[in-house]
Amino acid sequence: MTRFETIVLGASGYAGGECLRLVHGHPGLKLKAAVSESRAGTTIGSLFPHLGSIDARFHAPSEVPSILDDTEGTVAVLSAASHGASAPLVAELLEASAKKGVDVRIVDLSADFRYRDAARYEAVYQNAHGAPFLLSLFECGVPEHVDVVPRHAGHPGCFATSVLLAVVPLLKLGIVEKEIFAVGITGSTGSGREPKDTTHHPERHANLFAYQPLVHRHVPEMTDLAEKASGVRPAIHFIPHSGPFARGIHTTIQGRLRAPLDAEAIRQELARFYAASPLVRIVPGTPRVKDVAGSSFAHLGVATEGDTVAVLSAIDNLLKGAAGGGVQFLNRMLGLPESMGLDNPAPGWI
């Protein structure tokens, strides 16, 4: 089998480390370069001891043009750089690839390519976009909801993925009204490698607290992408929480039924909706974080009471919500099976 050379930008963060791990074990991808400005010249194993079997060093962003010199065929790119930093790196890589005649396919995991309009991005993230002239080249959405294979993709992120997997079929199938209520709990790895008061272990351990309730910056992305995938623009009321665990997201999404349906009927509708989606499973009862943490699977469960439905969504924030979703997009772009390299089960006792 042909293995596509793969470059990981922003490779020294948590999501970047997961990109490296997935690429290393992927039968259709081969790591060409791990790029990190802060760790350039050091070995991958010195930063990520669990990735010590990857015999490579981090490259500086300035080395990208020379990295492209001896590439063959299509080059896959995963950008795990932070919001605001990713777009300039992607722009430089695309400029270098155009000059050298190299075909690249890019999946960006930051927020930089989630909007088609720079003004909307800037209003949410409070900084100028690093490459507004590239926005039209990227298609954003949960992989399961993007019908046409894009040339370049923006991944919607972990909270948005957990919400959209539930909300889109509910809206598209006409099961619920437009008003949606969602509560999500995320692990500490969702906040990145840099220590903060809210991610420091003594603050998170045995603790649970909400942050940015009803004003979280990812709600506009959720709303736009839900409308794009379903044809219905919802009103999403979202409250995120910081949980006392390292990885995973559990989100409860509630809506009002448009017509009487019991939980089993809705489970069957969701199962039909995701019948061709190998990484989404509709489970009996309620999903649990430990059943998906460390995997690229999403588990959805359903409960009803009267005219209210709750869909419970569990994913791994670093995999299905970031690196795994990025590789899933790459698989489609490169003509590989969608779940290739992603179908290992969760460890269960993580």
Protein backbone atom coordinates (compact mmCIF):
# COMPACT_ATOMS: atom_id res chain seq x y z
CA MET A 1 0.00 0.00 0.00
CA THR A 2 1.16 3.53 -0.81
CA ARG A 3 1.82 5.54 2.32
CA PHE A 4 1.30 9.29 2.03
CA GLU A 5 4.01 11.51 3.49
CA THR A 6 2.54 13.54 6.33
CA ILE A 7 3.58 16.80 7.99
CA VAL A 8 2.28 17.77 11.43
CA LEU A 9 2.35 21.49 12.26
CA GLY A 10 2.15 22.58 15.89
CA ALA A 11 3.29 19.08 16.80
CA SER A 12 4.38 19.75 20.39
CA GLY A 13 0.93 20.27 21.95
CA TYR A 14 -1.42 17.61 23.25
CA ALA A 15 -3.40 17.40 19.99
CA GLY A 16 -0.14 17.52 18.04
CA GLY A 17 1.20 14.59 20.05
CA GLU A 18 -1.93 12.60 19.26
CA CYS A 19 -1.50 13.45 15.57
CA LEU A 20 2.03 12.06 15.72
CA ARG A 21 0.84 8.89 17.44
CA LEU A 22 -1.96 8.30 14.93
CA VAL A 23 0.27 8.95 11.92
CA HIS A 24 2.96 6.63 13.29
CA GLY A 25 0.51 3.73 13.56
CA HIS A 26 -1.44 4.46 10.37
CA PRO A 27 -0.98 1.99 7.50
CA GLY A 28 -1.61 4.68 4.88
CA LEU A 29 0.39 7.60 6.33
CA LYS A 30 4.11 8.11 6.96
CA LEU A 31 5.51 10.91 9.10
CA LYS A 32 7.57 13.29 6.99
CA ALA A 33 8.10 16.02 9.60
CA ALA A 34 6.91 17.18 13.00
CA VAL A 35 7.03 20.98 13.09
CA SER A 36 7.29 23.00 16.32
CA GLU A 37 8.86 26.39 16.80
CA SER A 38 9.33 25.93 20.55
CA ARG A 39 10.87 22.44 20.36
CA ALA A 40 12.84 22.63 17.09
CA GLY A 41 15.90 20.41 17.13
CA THR A 42 14.82 18.24 20.07
CA THR A 43 13.68 14.65 19.73
CA ILE A 44 10.01 13.72 19.79
CA GLY A 45 10.74 11.23 22.55
CA SER A 46 12.27 13.91 24.79
CA LEU A 47 8.91 15.71 24.89
CA PHE A 48 6.63 12.69 24.54
CA PRO A 49 8.35 9.69 26.18
CA HIS A 50 5.43 7.46 25.17
CA LEU A 51 6.29 8.28 21.54
CA GLY A 52 9.96 7.36 21.96
CA SER A 53 9.68 4.77 19.17
CA ILE A 54 9.29 7.64 16.68
CA ASP A 55 12.92 8.24 15.75
CA ALA A 56 12.70 11.87 14.64
CA ARG A 57 13.31 15.43 15.73
CA PHE A 58 11.06 18.44 15.65
CA HIS A 59 11.66 20.83 12.74
CA ALA A 60 11.38 24.60 12.85
CA PRO A 61 8.66 26.24 10.71
CA SER A 62 11.39 27.87 8.62
CA GLU A 63 12.45 24.39 7.46
CA VAL A 64 9.10 23.60 5.80
CA PRO A 65 10.16 24.69 2.29
CA SER A 66 13.21 22.41 2.38
CA ILE A 67 11.08 19.58 3.81
CA LEU A 68 8.94 19.80 0.67
CA ASP A 69 11.98 19.51 -1.64
CA ASP A 70 12.13 15.73 -1.74
CA THR A 71 8.46 14.84 -1.33
CA GLU A 72 6.66 12.60 -3.77
CA GLY A 73 2.98 12.53 -4.67
CA THR A 74 0.34 14.10 -2.47
CA VAL A 75 1.48 15.32 0.94
CA ALA A 76 -0.94 15.19 3.88
CA VAL A 77 -0.82 17.97 6.48
CA LEU A 78 -2.34 18.15 9.95
CA SER A 79 -2.11 21.53 11.67
CA ALA A 80 -2.45 21.28 15.43
CA ALA A 81 -1.09 24.79 16.02
CA SER A 82 -3.06 27.05 18.35
CA HIS A 83 -5.85 29.45 17.39
CA GLY A 84 -4.34 32.42 15.57
CA ALA A 85 -0.97 30.74 15.04
CA SER A 86 -2.16 28.08 12.62
CA ALA A 87 -3.30 30.25 9.72
CA PRO A 88 0.10 31.91 9.07
CA LEU A 89 1.82 28.51 9.18
CA VAL A 90 -0.71 27.07 6.74
CA ALA A 91 -0.30 30.09 4.44
CA GLU A 92 3.48 29.69 4.37
CA LEU A 93 3.19 25.97 3.66
CA LEU A 94 0.70 26.51 0.83
CA GLU A 95 2.91 29.21 -0.69
CA ALA A 96 5.95 26.92 -0.55
CA SER A 97 4.03 23.97 -2.00
CA ALA A 98 2.72 26.09 -4.89
CA LYS A 99 6.24 27.25 -5.76
CA LYS A 100 7.53 23.68 -5.70
CA GLY A 101 4.54 22.13 -7.47
CA VAL A 102 3.70 19.88 -4.53
CA ASP A 103 0.11 18.73 -4.05
CA VAL A 104 -0.90 19.13 -0.39
CA ARG A 105 -4.11 18.31 1.48
CA ILE A 106 -4.52 20.14 4.78
CA VAL A 107 -6.72 19.59 7.81
CA ASP A 108 -6.59 22.38 10.38
CA LEU A 109 -7.55 21.57 13.98
CA SER A 110 -7.59 25.15 15.26
CA ALA A 111 -10.42 27.66 14.94
CA ASP A 112 -8.65 29.50 12.12
CA PHE A 113 -10.59 27.89 9.27
CA ARG A 114 -14.00 27.37 10.86
CA TYR A 115 -15.49 30.54 9.38
CA ARG A 116 -15.71 31.61 5.75
CA ASP A 117 -15.80 35.27 6.82
CA ALA A 118 -12.79 36.87 8.52
CA ALA A 119 -14.95 39.47 10.27
CA ARG A 120 -16.96 36.76 12.03
CA TYR A 121 -13.78 35.00 13.13
CA GLU A 122 -12.31 38.26 14.42
CA ALA A 123 -15.48 39.12 16.33
CA VAL A 124 -15.34 35.83 18.21
CA TYR A 125 -11.58 35.46 18.76
CA GLN A 126 -10.74 39.15 19.16
CA ASN A 127 -7.73 39.13 16.84
CA ALA A 128 -7.12 39.62 13.14
CA HIS A 129 -7.16 36.50 11.00
CA GLY A 130 -3.70 35.37 9.92
CA ALA A 131 -4.63 34.44 6.33
CA PRO A 132 -8.12 35.66 5.36
CA PHE A 133 -7.40 35.06 1.66
CA LEU A 134 -7.38 31.29 2.35
CA LEU A 135 -10.75 31.00 4.09
CA SER A 136 -12.67 30.11 0.94
CA LEU A 137 -10.37 27.14 0.31
CA PHE A 138 -11.38 25.30 3.51
CA GLU A 139 -14.55 23.35 4.27
CA CYS A 140 -15.46 23.04 7.94
CA GLY A 141 -17.68 20.45 9.58
CA VAL A 142 -17.79 17.18 11.48
CA PRO A 143 -16.50 14.60 8.96
CA GLU A 144 -19.76 12.63 9.15
CA HIS A 145 -21.71 15.73 8.08
CA VAL A 146 -19.56 16.80 5.10
CA ASP A 147 -20.87 15.01 2.02
CA VAL A 148 -18.40 16.30 -0.58
CA VAL A 149 -14.76 15.42 0.02
CA PRO A 150 -12.95 18.75 0.50
CA ARG A 151 -9.46 19.61 -0.69
CA HIS A 152 -8.70 21.29 2.64
CA ALA A 153 -10.75 21.05 5.85
CA GLY A 154 -11.20 22.84 9.14
CA HIS A 155 -12.18 20.64 12.07
CA PRO A 156 -14.84 22.11 14.38
CA GLY A 157 -13.19 21.09 17.65
CA CYS A 158 -14.11 18.87 20.57
CA PHE A 159 -17.13 20.53 22.20
CA ALA A 160 -18.64 21.33 18.82
CA THR A 161 -18.14 17.74 17.63
CA SER A 162 -19.83 16.29 20.71
CA VAL A 163 -22.81 18.63 20.31
CA LEU A 164 -23.15 18.46 16.52
CA LEU A 165 -23.14 14.67 16.37
CA ALA A 166 -26.38 14.78 18.37
CA VAL A 167 -27.97 18.00 17.16
CA VAL A 168 -27.61 17.64 13.39
CA PRO A 169 -29.68 14.45 12.99
CA LEU A 170 -32.29 15.70 15.47
CA LEU A 171 -32.77 18.84 13.37
CA LYS A 172 -32.36 17.33 9.92
CA LEU A 173 -34.84 14.53 10.63
CA GLY A 174 -37.35 16.98 12.08
CA ILE A 175 -37.34 15.31 15.49
CA VAL A 176 -36.93 18.44 17.66
CA GLU A 177 -37.77 22.12 17.71
CA LYS A 178 -35.03 24.66 17.03
CA GLU A 179 -34.21 25.48 20.66
CA ILE A 180 -31.45 23.24 22.02
CA PHE A 181 -29.97 23.05 25.52
CA ALA A 182 -26.56 21.44 26.01
CA VAL A 183 -24.28 20.82 29.00
CA GLY A 184 -20.79 19.46 28.37
CA ILE A 185 -18.01 18.27 30.68
CA THR A 186 -14.47 18.13 29.32
CA GLY A 187 -11.17 16.74 30.50
CA SER A 188 -8.19 18.93 31.30
CA THR A 189 -6.28 18.10 28.10
CA GLY A 190 -8.81 20.22 26.21
CA SER A 191 -7.09 23.33 27.56
CA GLY A 192 -3.69 22.52 26.06
CA ARG A 193 -0.19 21.96 27.46
CA GLU A 194 0.34 25.38 29.01
CA PRO A 195 -0.63 25.23 32.71
CA LYS A 196 -3.47 27.48 33.84
CA ASP A 197 -5.36 27.90 37.10
CA THR A 198 -8.28 25.92 35.72
CA THR A 199 -6.13 23.06 34.37
CA HIS A 200 -3.64 22.67 37.24
CA HIS A 201 -4.23 19.19 38.69
CA PRO A 202 -4.95 20.23 42.31
CA GLU A 203 -7.66 22.58 41.00
CA ARG A 204 -9.26 19.97 38.75
CA HIS A 205 -8.94 16.90 40.97
CA ALA A 206 -12.22 15.95 42.69
CA ASN A 207 -13.71 19.18 41.35
CA LEU A 208 -16.35 20.21 38.82
CA PHE A 209 -17.18 23.73 37.70
CA ALA A 210 -18.82 25.59 34.83
CA TYR A 211 -17.06 28.26 32.81
CA GLN A 212 -18.30 30.79 30.27
CA PRO A 213 -21.89 29.58 30.81
CA LEU A 214 -24.16 30.52 27.89
CA VAL A 215 -21.46 32.71 26.29
CA HIS A 216 -18.86 30.13 25.23
CA ARG A 217 -17.04 31.21 22.09
CA HIS A 218 -17.67 27.94 20.24
CA VAL A 219 -21.47 28.37 20.25
CA PRO A 220 -21.47 30.49 17.05
CA GLU A 221 -19.49 27.72 15.34
CA MET A 222 -21.92 25.07 16.57
CA THR A 223 -24.88 27.13 15.37
CA ASP A 224 -23.46 27.81 11.91
CA LEU A 225 -22.33 24.23 11.35
CA ALA A 226 -25.61 22.77 12.61
CA GLU A 227 -27.51 24.95 10.13
CA LYS A 228 -25.09 24.08 7.33
CA ALA A 229 -25.47 20.32 7.89
CA SER A 230 -29.19 20.19 8.71
CA GLY A 231 -30.76 23.14 6.89
CA VAL A 232 -32.24 24.36 10.19
CA ARG A 233 -30.71 27.17 12.25
CA PRO A 234 -30.98 26.27 15.93
CA ALA A 235 -30.79 28.37 19.07
CA ILE A 236 -28.15 26.55 21.12
CA HIS A 237 -27.81 27.29 24.84
CA PHE A 238 -24.53 25.74 25.96
CA ILE A 239 -22.86 25.46 29.36
CA PRO A 240 -19.36 23.89 29.41
CA HIS A 241 -17.82 22.39 32.54
CA SER A 242 -14.28 21.44 33.53
CA GLY A 243 -14.18 17.85 34.77
CA PRO A 244 -11.73 16.07 37.10
CA PHE A 245 -10.29 13.79 34.41
CA ALA A 246 -7.61 14.21 31.73
CA ARG A 247 -9.37 13.29 28.50
CA GLY A 248 -12.87 12.84 27.15
CA ILE A 249 -16.08 14.83 26.83
CA HIS A 250 -19.57 13.94 27.97
CA THR A 251 -22.34 16.20 26.67
CA THR A 252 -26.08 16.09 27.33
CA ILE A 253 -28.21 17.69 24.61
CA GLN A 254 -31.91 18.33 25.24
CA GLY A 255 -34.70 19.45 22.93
CA ARG A 256 -38.48 19.48 22.64
CA LEU A 257 -39.99 16.81 20.40
CA ARG A 258 -42.02 18.00 17.43
CA ALA A 259 -44.11 14.81 17.53
CA PRO A 260 -44.46 11.96 20.04
CA LEU A 261 -41.54 9.52 19.82
CA ASP A 262 -40.08 7.17 22.40
CA ALA A 263 -36.38 6.63 23.05
CA GLU A 264 -36.17 3.42 21.03
CA ALA A 265 -37.72 5.05 17.96
CA ILE A 266 -35.21 7.91 18.15
CA ARG A 267 -32.32 5.46 18.62
CA GLN A 268 -33.40 3.72 15.43
CA GLU A 269 -33.59 7.04 13.57
CA LEU A 270 -30.06 7.95 14.73
CA ALA A 271 -28.79 4.49 13.80
CA ARG A 272 -30.15 4.90 10.28
CA PHE A 273 -28.69 8.40 10.03
CA TYR A 274 -25.21 7.15 10.97
CA ALA A 275 -25.46 3.75 9.26
CA ALA A 276 -22.57 4.62 6.92
CA SER A 277 -20.46 6.24 9.68
CA PRO A 278 -18.15 3.57 11.15
CA LEU A 279 -16.92 5.74 14.02
CA VAL A 280 -20.34 6.69 15.43
CA ARG A 281 -22.21 4.15 17.54
CA ILE A 282 -25.72 4.42 18.95
CA VAL A 283 -25.62 2.61 22.28
CA PRO A 284 -28.31 1.33 24.62
CA GLY A 285 -28.56 3.13 27.93
CA THR A 286 -26.15 5.98 28.54
CA PRO A 287 -22.63 6.33 27.06
CA ARG A 288 -19.60 6.54 29.33
CA VAL A 289 -16.38 8.45 28.83
CA LYS A 290 -14.20 5.42 29.66
CA ASP A 291 -15.79 3.53 26.77
CA VAL A 292 -14.46 6.07 24.23
CA ALA A 293 -11.45 7.77 25.87
CA GLY A 294 -8.33 6.81 23.95
CA SER A 295 -10.33 6.03 20.81
CA SER A 296 -11.78 7.85 17.81
CA PHE A 297 -15.29 6.53 18.37
CA ALA A 298 -18.33 8.55 19.40
CA HIS A 299 -21.10 6.96 21.47
CA LEU A 300 -24.63 8.40 21.47
CA GLY A 301 -27.43 7.39 23.84
CA VAL A 302 -31.06 8.51 24.01
CA ALA A 303 -33.61 9.17 26.77
CA THR A 304 -37.11 10.65 26.59
CA GLU A 305 -39.74 11.96 28.98
CA GLY A 306 -43.00 13.30 27.63
CA ASP A 307 -42.17 15.82 24.91
CA THR A 308 -38.49 16.10 25.90
CA VAL A 309 -35.60 14.16 24.38
CA ALA A 310 -32.04 13.97 25.65
CA VAL A 311 -29.19 12.68 23.50
CA LEU A 312 -26.05 11.91 25.46
CA SER A 313 -22.78 12.17 23.57
CA ALA A 314 -19.39 10.82 24.65
CA ILE A 315 -16.14 11.32 22.73
CA ASP A 316 -12.42 11.62 23.33
CA ASN A 317 -11.63 15.33 23.08
CA LEU A 318 -8.10 14.78 21.68
CA LEU A 319 -9.10 12.09 19.16
CA LYS A 320 -12.64 12.27 17.80
CA GLY A 321 -12.65 15.93 18.86
CA ALA A 322 -9.29 16.81 17.28
CA ALA A 323 -6.52 14.54 15.92
CA GLY A 324 -8.77 11.58 15.12
CA GLY A 325 -11.24 13.79 13.31
CA GLY A 326 -8.36 15.33 11.38
CA VAL A 327 -7.05 11.93 10.27
CA GLN A 328 -10.61 10.91 9.38
CA PHE A 329 -10.77 13.88 6.99
CA LEU A 330 -7.34 13.00 5.56
CA ASN A 331 -8.47 9.43 4.93
CA ARG A 332 -11.34 10.71 2.82
CA MET A 333 -9.19 13.26 1.00
CA LEU A 334 -6.60 10.63 0.13
CA GLY A 335 -9.08 7.98 -0.99
CA LEU A 336 -8.43 5.72 2.00
CA PRO A 337 -11.10 3.94 4.08
CA GLU A 338 -12.60 6.52 6.42
CA SER A 339 -11.78 4.67 9.63
CA MET A 340 -8.29 3.49 8.60
CA GLY A 341 -5.91 3.86 11.52
CA LEU A 342 -8.77 4.98 13.76
CA ASP A 343 -10.73 1.86 14.60
CA ASN A 344 -8.76 0.62 17.61
CA PRO A 345 -11.12 0.28 20.59
CA ALA A 346 -10.82 2.38 23.74
CA PRO A 347 -8.48 0.99 26.45
CA GLY A 348 -11.40 0.88 28.90
CA TRP A 349 -9.31 1.47 32.04
CA ILE A 350 -7.55 4.62 30.94
